[in-house]
């Protein structure tokens, strides 16, 4: 894994921790209409909850499909399965299955680290992304990289 990919992952992991205490990780695909799928999440949350709660989404391509991690509050975590069911119905994703759901940061980190080993970049296609990362999450990620001995 390149330093650039490590840096991006660290930034999103820090943002996941900063945004909420309830996490979900799903594998979606193999076919995914990424733009429709990522735009559907805020719309879905607003329709179901009446407002757009604070959340962070991080996704990356693997050999099996798209790994999607979402961090938010417990209310979002309770309806996240419905979100994926609707995304399948609307054909934004071909399928989705749960890999992790819970509130344990260590298990989330371990799950994502194992899945990142399966990361697969593809020429000309965006294979890693997520929500906007705050400045504080970016600083936290930079400190984590330095502690691991990887200077920026």
Protein backbone atom coordinates (compact mmCIF):
# COMPACT_ATOMS: atom_id res chain seq x y z
CA UNK A 1 0.00 0.00 0.00
CA UNK A 2 1.45 3.35 -1.00
CA UNK A 3 1.95 6.22 1.42
CA UNK A 4 -0.75 8.19 -0.41
CA UNK A 5 -3.31 5.43 0.09
CA UNK A 6 -2.25 5.01 3.74
CA UNK A 7 -2.67 8.72 4.29
CA UNK A 8 -6.15 8.76 2.74
CA UNK A 9 -7.23 5.75 4.80
CA UNK A 10 -5.88 7.31 7.98
CA UNK A 11 -7.73 10.56 7.30
CA UNK A 12 -11.02 8.74 6.76
CA UNK A 13 -10.54 6.47 9.77
CA UNK A 14 -9.93 9.51 11.98
CA UNK A 15 -13.04 11.14 10.48
CA UNK A 16 -15.09 7.99 11.20
CA UNK A 17 -14.01 8.13 14.84
CA UNK A 18 -14.68 11.86 15.07
CA UNK A 19 -18.16 11.72 13.52
CA UNK A 20 -19.93 9.03 15.49
CA UNK A 21 -19.69 6.12 17.86
CA UNK A 22 -21.70 3.63 15.82
CA UNK A 23 -20.13 2.02 12.77
CA UNK A 24 -21.17 -0.21 9.92
CA UNK A 25 -19.08 -1.84 7.22
CA UNK A 26 -20.72 -3.43 4.20
CA UNK A 27 -19.43 -4.99 1.00
CA UNK A 28 -21.51 -3.81 -1.94
CA UNK A 29 -21.47 -4.82 -5.57
CA UNK A 30 -19.84 -6.19 -7.53
CA UNK A 31 -21.57 -3.61 -9.72
CA UNK A 32 -22.02 -0.17 -8.14
CA UNK A 33 -23.26 3.10 -9.59
CA UNK A 34 -21.03 5.09 -7.26
CA UNK A 35 -22.37 8.56 -7.90
CA UNK A 36 -26.02 7.53 -7.48
CA UNK A 37 -25.19 5.42 -4.44
CA UNK A 38 -23.27 8.11 -2.55
CA UNK A 39 -25.86 10.78 -3.36
CA UNK A 40 -28.64 8.49 -2.18
CA UNK A 41 -27.36 8.28 1.43
CA UNK A 42 -28.04 11.90 2.48
CA UNK A 43 -31.38 11.83 0.67
CA UNK A 44 -32.37 8.57 2.36
CA UNK A 45 -31.39 9.85 5.82
CA UNK A 46 -33.30 13.10 5.35
CA UNK A 47 -36.43 11.22 4.19
CA UNK A 48 -36.33 8.71 7.04
CA UNK A 49 -35.20 10.97 9.87
CA UNK A 50 -36.55 14.36 8.85
CA UNK A 51 -33.08 15.90 8.92
CA UNK A 52 -29.59 15.09 7.77
CA UNK A 53 -27.68 13.74 10.77
CA UNK A 54 -23.93 13.97 11.10
CA UNK A 55 -22.23 11.00 9.45
CA UNK A 56 -19.06 10.04 7.62
CA UNK A 57 -18.78 7.59 4.74
CA UNK A 58 -15.56 5.99 3.54
CA UNK A 59 -15.37 3.57 0.62
CA UNK A 60 -12.75 1.77 -1.42
CA UNK A 61 -12.67 -0.83 -4.18
CA UNK A 62 -11.66 -4.41 -3.49
CA UNK A 63 -11.58 -7.56 -5.58
CA UNK A 64 -15.10 -8.43 -4.32
CA UNK A 65 -16.72 -5.01 -4.76
CA UNK A 66 -16.89 -1.77 -2.86
CA UNK A 67 -16.20 -1.74 0.88
CA UNK A 68 -18.31 0.98 2.53
CA UNK A 69 -17.82 2.16 6.12
CA UNK A 70 -20.29 4.57 7.73
CA UNK A 71 -20.01 6.28 11.09
CA UNK A 72 -22.96 8.05 12.71
CA UNK A 73 -25.28 7.93 15.69
CA UNK A 74 -27.34 4.92 16.81
CA UNK A 75 -30.44 6.10 14.95
CA UNK A 76 -28.57 5.93 11.64
CA UNK A 77 -27.05 2.56 12.49
CA UNK A 78 -30.53 1.15 13.12
CA UNK A 79 -31.76 2.04 9.63
CA UNK A 80 -28.57 1.40 7.65
CA UNK A 81 -29.74 -2.07 6.57
CA UNK A 82 -32.86 -0.43 5.08
CA UNK A 83 -30.61 1.99 3.21
CA UNK A 84 -28.79 -0.89 1.50
CA UNK A 85 -32.07 -2.71 0.74
CA UNK A 86 -33.39 0.43 -0.96
CA UNK A 87 -30.10 0.95 -2.84
CA UNK A 88 -30.42 -2.60 -4.22
CA UNK A 89 -34.08 -2.00 -5.21
CA UNK A 90 -33.10 1.20 -7.01
CA UNK A 91 -30.22 -0.69 -8.70
CA UNK A 92 -27.56 1.66 -7.34
CA UNK A 93 -25.78 -1.48 -6.13
CA UNK A 94 -26.09 -5.06 -7.25
CA UNK A 95 -26.02 -6.44 -3.72
CA UNK A 96 -24.85 -5.70 -0.18
CA UNK A 97 -23.83 -7.75 2.82
CA UNK A 98 -22.81 -6.71 6.29
CA UNK A 99 -19.23 -7.25 7.43
CA UNK A 100 -19.31 -5.35 10.72
CA UNK A 101 -21.81 -3.36 12.73
CA UNK A 102 -21.13 -2.04 16.23
CA UNK A 103 -19.44 0.56 18.34
CA UNK A 104 -15.98 -0.91 18.91
CA UNK A 105 -13.18 1.21 17.36
CA UNK A 106 -10.67 -1.63 17.56
CA UNK A 107 -12.93 -4.04 15.67
CA UNK A 108 -13.69 -1.36 13.08
CA UNK A 109 -10.00 -0.64 12.59
CA UNK A 110 -9.13 -4.34 12.37
CA UNK A 111 -11.93 -5.00 9.87
CA UNK A 112 -10.96 -2.08 7.64
CA UNK A 113 -7.24 -2.93 7.84
CA UNK A 114 -7.92 -6.49 6.70
CA UNK A 115 -10.12 -5.28 3.87
CA UNK A 116 -7.57 -2.67 2.77
CA UNK A 117 -5.23 -5.56 1.97
CA UNK A 118 -7.76 -6.39 -0.76
CA UNK A 119 -7.73 -2.80 -2.10
CA UNK A 120 -7.64 -2.75 -5.87
CA UNK A 121 -6.89 0.39 -7.83
CA UNK A 122 -8.14 0.67 -11.40
CA UNK A 123 -6.78 3.03 -14.03
CA UNK A 124 -9.13 5.92 -14.79
CA UNK A 125 -11.66 5.00 -12.10
CA UNK A 126 -11.98 6.49 -8.64
CA UNK A 127 -11.42 3.58 -6.28
CA UNK A 128 -11.14 5.31 -2.91
CA UNK A 129 -13.11 8.18 -1.39
CA UNK A 130 -15.60 9.40 1.14
CA UNK A 131 -17.13 12.40 2.85
CA UNK A 132 -15.21 15.59 3.45
CA UNK A 133 -12.56 15.16 6.14
CA UNK A 134 -12.40 17.87 8.79
CA UNK A 135 -9.15 19.65 9.65
CA UNK A 136 -9.02 17.98 13.07
CA UNK A 137 -9.40 14.50 11.56
CA UNK A 138 -6.67 15.35 9.05
CA UNK A 139 -4.32 16.40 11.88
CA UNK A 140 -5.13 13.23 13.86
CA UNK A 141 -4.34 11.10 10.81
CA UNK A 142 -1.03 12.93 10.30
CA UNK A 143 -0.06 12.24 13.92
CA UNK A 144 -0.98 8.54 13.49
CA UNK A 145 1.27 8.25 10.41
CA UNK A 146 4.18 9.90 12.20
CA UNK A 147 3.76 7.55 15.17
CA UNK A 148 3.92 4.61 12.77
CA UNK A 149 7.23 5.95 11.42
CA UNK A 150 5.85 7.17 8.10
CA UNK A 151 6.73 10.84 7.65
CA UNK A 152 4.42 12.86 5.44
